[in-house]
N, C-alpha and C. Protein backbone atom coordinates (compact mmCIF):
# COMPACT_ATOMS: atom_id res chain seq x y z
N MET A 1 13.15 1.63 5.40
CA MET A 1 14.56 1.99 5.36
C MET A 1 14.80 3.10 6.37
N LYS A 2 15.80 2.91 7.21
CA LYS A 2 16.18 3.95 8.17
C LYS A 2 17.19 4.88 7.51
N ASN A 3 17.22 6.11 7.97
CA ASN A 3 18.24 7.02 7.46
C ASN A 3 18.70 7.96 8.56
N LYS A 4 19.89 8.48 8.38
CA LYS A 4 20.51 9.40 9.33
C LYS A 4 20.64 10.80 8.73
N LEU A 5 19.77 11.09 7.78
CA LEU A 5 19.86 12.36 7.07
C LEU A 5 19.67 13.55 8.00
N LYS A 6 18.69 13.48 8.88
CA LYS A 6 18.43 14.60 9.79
C LYS A 6 19.62 14.83 10.72
N ILE A 7 20.23 13.74 11.18
CA ILE A 7 21.39 13.84 12.07
C ILE A 7 22.56 14.51 11.35
N GLU A 8 22.84 14.04 10.14
CA GLU A 8 23.96 14.62 9.38
C GLU A 8 23.68 16.06 8.99
N ARG A 9 22.42 16.35 8.66
CA ARG A 9 22.06 17.72 8.30
C ARG A 9 22.29 18.65 9.49
N ALA A 10 21.93 18.20 10.68
CA ALA A 10 22.14 18.99 11.89
C ALA A 10 23.63 19.15 12.19
N ARG A 11 24.39 18.06 12.02
CA ARG A 11 25.84 18.13 12.25
C ARG A 11 26.51 19.15 11.35
N HIS A 12 25.98 19.30 10.14
CA HIS A 12 26.55 20.24 9.18
C HIS A 12 25.85 21.60 9.20
N ASN A 13 24.95 21.75 10.18
CA ASN A 13 24.24 23.02 10.37
C ASN A 13 23.52 23.47 9.09
N LEU A 14 22.81 22.53 8.46
CA LEU A 14 22.06 22.83 7.24
C LEU A 14 20.57 22.75 7.52
N THR A 15 19.82 23.68 6.96
CA THR A 15 18.37 23.57 7.01
C THR A 15 17.93 22.59 5.93
N GLN A 16 16.68 22.17 6.01
CA GLN A 16 16.16 21.30 4.95
C GLN A 16 16.24 22.01 3.60
N ALA A 17 15.93 23.30 3.59
CA ALA A 17 15.96 24.07 2.35
C ALA A 17 17.37 24.15 1.78
N ALA A 18 18.36 24.36 2.64
CA ALA A 18 19.74 24.47 2.17
C ALA A 18 20.23 23.13 1.61
N LEU A 19 19.89 22.04 2.29
CA LEU A 19 20.28 20.72 1.80
C LEU A 19 19.57 20.42 0.48
N ALA A 20 18.31 20.77 0.40
CA ALA A 20 17.55 20.55 -0.82
C ALA A 20 18.18 21.28 -2.00
N GLU A 21 18.61 22.51 -1.77
CA GLU A 21 19.26 23.29 -2.83
C GLU A 21 20.54 22.61 -3.29
N LYS A 22 21.34 22.15 -2.35
CA LYS A 22 22.60 21.46 -2.70
C LYS A 22 22.33 20.17 -3.47
N ALA A 23 21.27 19.46 -3.08
CA ALA A 23 20.94 18.16 -3.68
C ALA A 23 20.08 18.30 -4.94
N LYS A 24 19.66 19.53 -5.23
CA LYS A 24 18.83 19.81 -6.41
C LYS A 24 17.47 19.12 -6.35
N VAL A 25 16.86 19.18 -5.17
CA VAL A 25 15.50 18.66 -4.96
C VAL A 25 14.72 19.69 -4.14
N SER A 26 13.45 19.42 -3.91
CA SER A 26 12.64 20.34 -3.10
C SER A 26 12.87 20.08 -1.61
N ARG A 27 12.52 21.06 -0.80
CA ARG A 27 12.59 20.90 0.65
C ARG A 27 11.64 19.81 1.08
N GLN A 28 10.51 19.70 0.40
CA GLN A 28 9.53 18.66 0.72
C GLN A 28 10.10 17.27 0.52
N THR A 29 10.96 17.11 -0.48
CA THR A 29 11.60 15.81 -0.72
C THR A 29 12.51 15.46 0.45
N ILE A 30 13.30 16.43 0.91
CA ILE A 30 14.19 16.18 2.06
C ILE A 30 13.35 15.83 3.28
N ASN A 31 12.27 16.55 3.50
CA ASN A 31 11.38 16.27 4.63
C ASN A 31 10.80 14.87 4.54
N ALA A 32 10.38 14.47 3.35
CA ALA A 32 9.78 13.14 3.16
C ALA A 32 10.81 12.03 3.39
N ILE A 33 12.05 12.24 2.97
CA ILE A 33 13.11 11.26 3.21
C ILE A 33 13.37 11.15 4.71
N GLU A 34 13.53 12.29 5.37
CA GLU A 34 13.82 12.29 6.81
C GLU A 34 12.72 11.61 7.62
N SER A 35 11.48 11.78 7.20
CA SER A 35 10.36 11.20 7.95
C SER A 35 10.06 9.76 7.53
N GLY A 36 10.83 9.23 6.59
CA GLY A 36 10.66 7.85 6.18
C GLY A 36 9.50 7.61 5.23
N LYS A 37 8.94 8.68 4.67
CA LYS A 37 7.81 8.55 3.74
C LYS A 37 8.25 8.36 2.30
N TYR A 38 9.52 8.58 2.03
CA TYR A 38 10.03 8.51 0.66
C TYR A 38 11.43 7.90 0.68
N VAL A 39 11.64 6.94 -0.21
CA VAL A 39 12.95 6.32 -0.38
C VAL A 39 13.60 6.99 -1.58
N PRO A 40 14.77 7.59 -1.41
CA PRO A 40 15.39 8.32 -2.52
C PRO A 40 15.87 7.38 -3.63
N SER A 41 15.95 7.93 -4.82
CA SER A 41 16.52 7.19 -5.94
C SER A 41 18.00 6.96 -5.67
N THR A 42 18.58 6.08 -6.42
CA THR A 42 20.03 5.82 -6.29
C THR A 42 20.81 7.09 -6.55
N VAL A 43 20.42 7.84 -7.56
CA VAL A 43 21.13 9.08 -7.90
C VAL A 43 21.06 10.07 -6.75
N LEU A 44 19.88 10.23 -6.16
CA LEU A 44 19.74 11.17 -5.05
C LEU A 44 20.51 10.69 -3.82
N ALA A 45 20.47 9.41 -3.54
CA ALA A 45 21.24 8.87 -2.41
C ALA A 45 22.74 9.12 -2.61
N LEU A 46 23.21 8.95 -3.84
CA LEU A 46 24.62 9.22 -4.13
C LEU A 46 24.95 10.70 -4.01
N ARG A 47 24.03 11.57 -4.42
CA ARG A 47 24.25 13.01 -4.26
C ARG A 47 24.37 13.37 -2.78
N LEU A 48 23.46 12.83 -1.98
CA LEU A 48 23.47 13.14 -0.55
C LEU A 48 24.75 12.61 0.10
N SER A 49 25.18 11.43 -0.29
CA SER A 49 26.42 10.90 0.28
C SER A 49 27.61 11.76 -0.12
N ALA A 50 27.61 12.30 -1.32
CA ALA A 50 28.69 13.19 -1.75
C ALA A 50 28.67 14.50 -0.97
N ILE A 51 27.48 15.04 -0.74
CA ILE A 51 27.35 16.29 0.02
C ILE A 51 27.94 16.13 1.42
N PHE A 52 27.63 15.00 2.06
CA PHE A 52 28.10 14.77 3.43
C PHE A 52 29.45 14.05 3.48
N GLU A 53 29.98 13.71 2.32
CA GLU A 53 31.25 12.99 2.21
C GLU A 53 31.24 11.73 3.06
N LEU A 54 30.16 10.96 2.90
CA LEU A 54 29.97 9.69 3.61
C LEU A 54 29.54 8.63 2.61
N PRO A 55 29.83 7.36 2.88
CA PRO A 55 29.29 6.32 2.02
C PRO A 55 27.77 6.26 2.14
N VAL A 56 27.10 5.82 1.11
CA VAL A 56 25.64 5.75 1.11
C VAL A 56 25.15 4.95 2.32
N ASN A 57 25.80 3.83 2.62
CA ASN A 57 25.31 3.01 3.73
C ASN A 57 25.57 3.63 5.11
N ALA A 58 26.27 4.74 5.17
CA ALA A 58 26.38 5.49 6.43
C ALA A 58 25.16 6.39 6.62
N LEU A 59 24.47 6.70 5.53
CA LEU A 59 23.26 7.54 5.59
C LEU A 59 21.98 6.71 5.60
N PHE A 60 21.99 5.60 4.87
CA PHE A 60 20.78 4.79 4.70
C PHE A 60 21.05 3.35 5.12
N GLU A 61 20.06 2.76 5.79
CA GLU A 61 20.23 1.40 6.30
C GLU A 61 18.93 0.61 6.08
N LEU A 62 19.06 -0.59 5.53
CA LEU A 62 17.90 -1.44 5.34
C LEU A 62 17.40 -1.94 6.68
N GLU A 63 16.08 -2.08 6.78
CA GLU A 63 15.46 -2.66 7.97
C GLU A 63 14.99 -4.07 7.61
N GLU A 64 14.62 -4.84 8.60
CA GLU A 64 14.20 -6.23 8.40
C GLU A 64 13.11 -6.33 7.33
N GLU A 65 12.11 -5.46 7.41
CA GLU A 65 10.98 -5.54 6.46
C GLU A 65 11.38 -5.21 5.02
N ASP A 66 12.52 -4.56 4.85
CA ASP A 66 13.00 -4.25 3.50
C ASP A 66 13.48 -5.51 2.78
N TRP A 67 13.70 -6.58 3.52
CA TRP A 67 14.16 -7.84 2.93
C TRP A 67 13.00 -8.75 2.58
N GLU A 68 11.80 -8.42 3.00
CA GLU A 68 10.64 -9.29 2.78
C GLU A 68 9.89 -8.93 1.54
């Protein structure tokens, strides 16, 4: 799954730690999502979309292998 979390975080001038605090997760979780090592839960994806005021599919996008 691709994500634009790092791009949106930079656009909003947020550090990983600041975003983590807003999303109520650890900085390591934000880092893992940004690096593609962790797929967030539905609840966390919805929290992140609310923080950035974007639809979930503007932040996260399925890749071909996600359909297999």
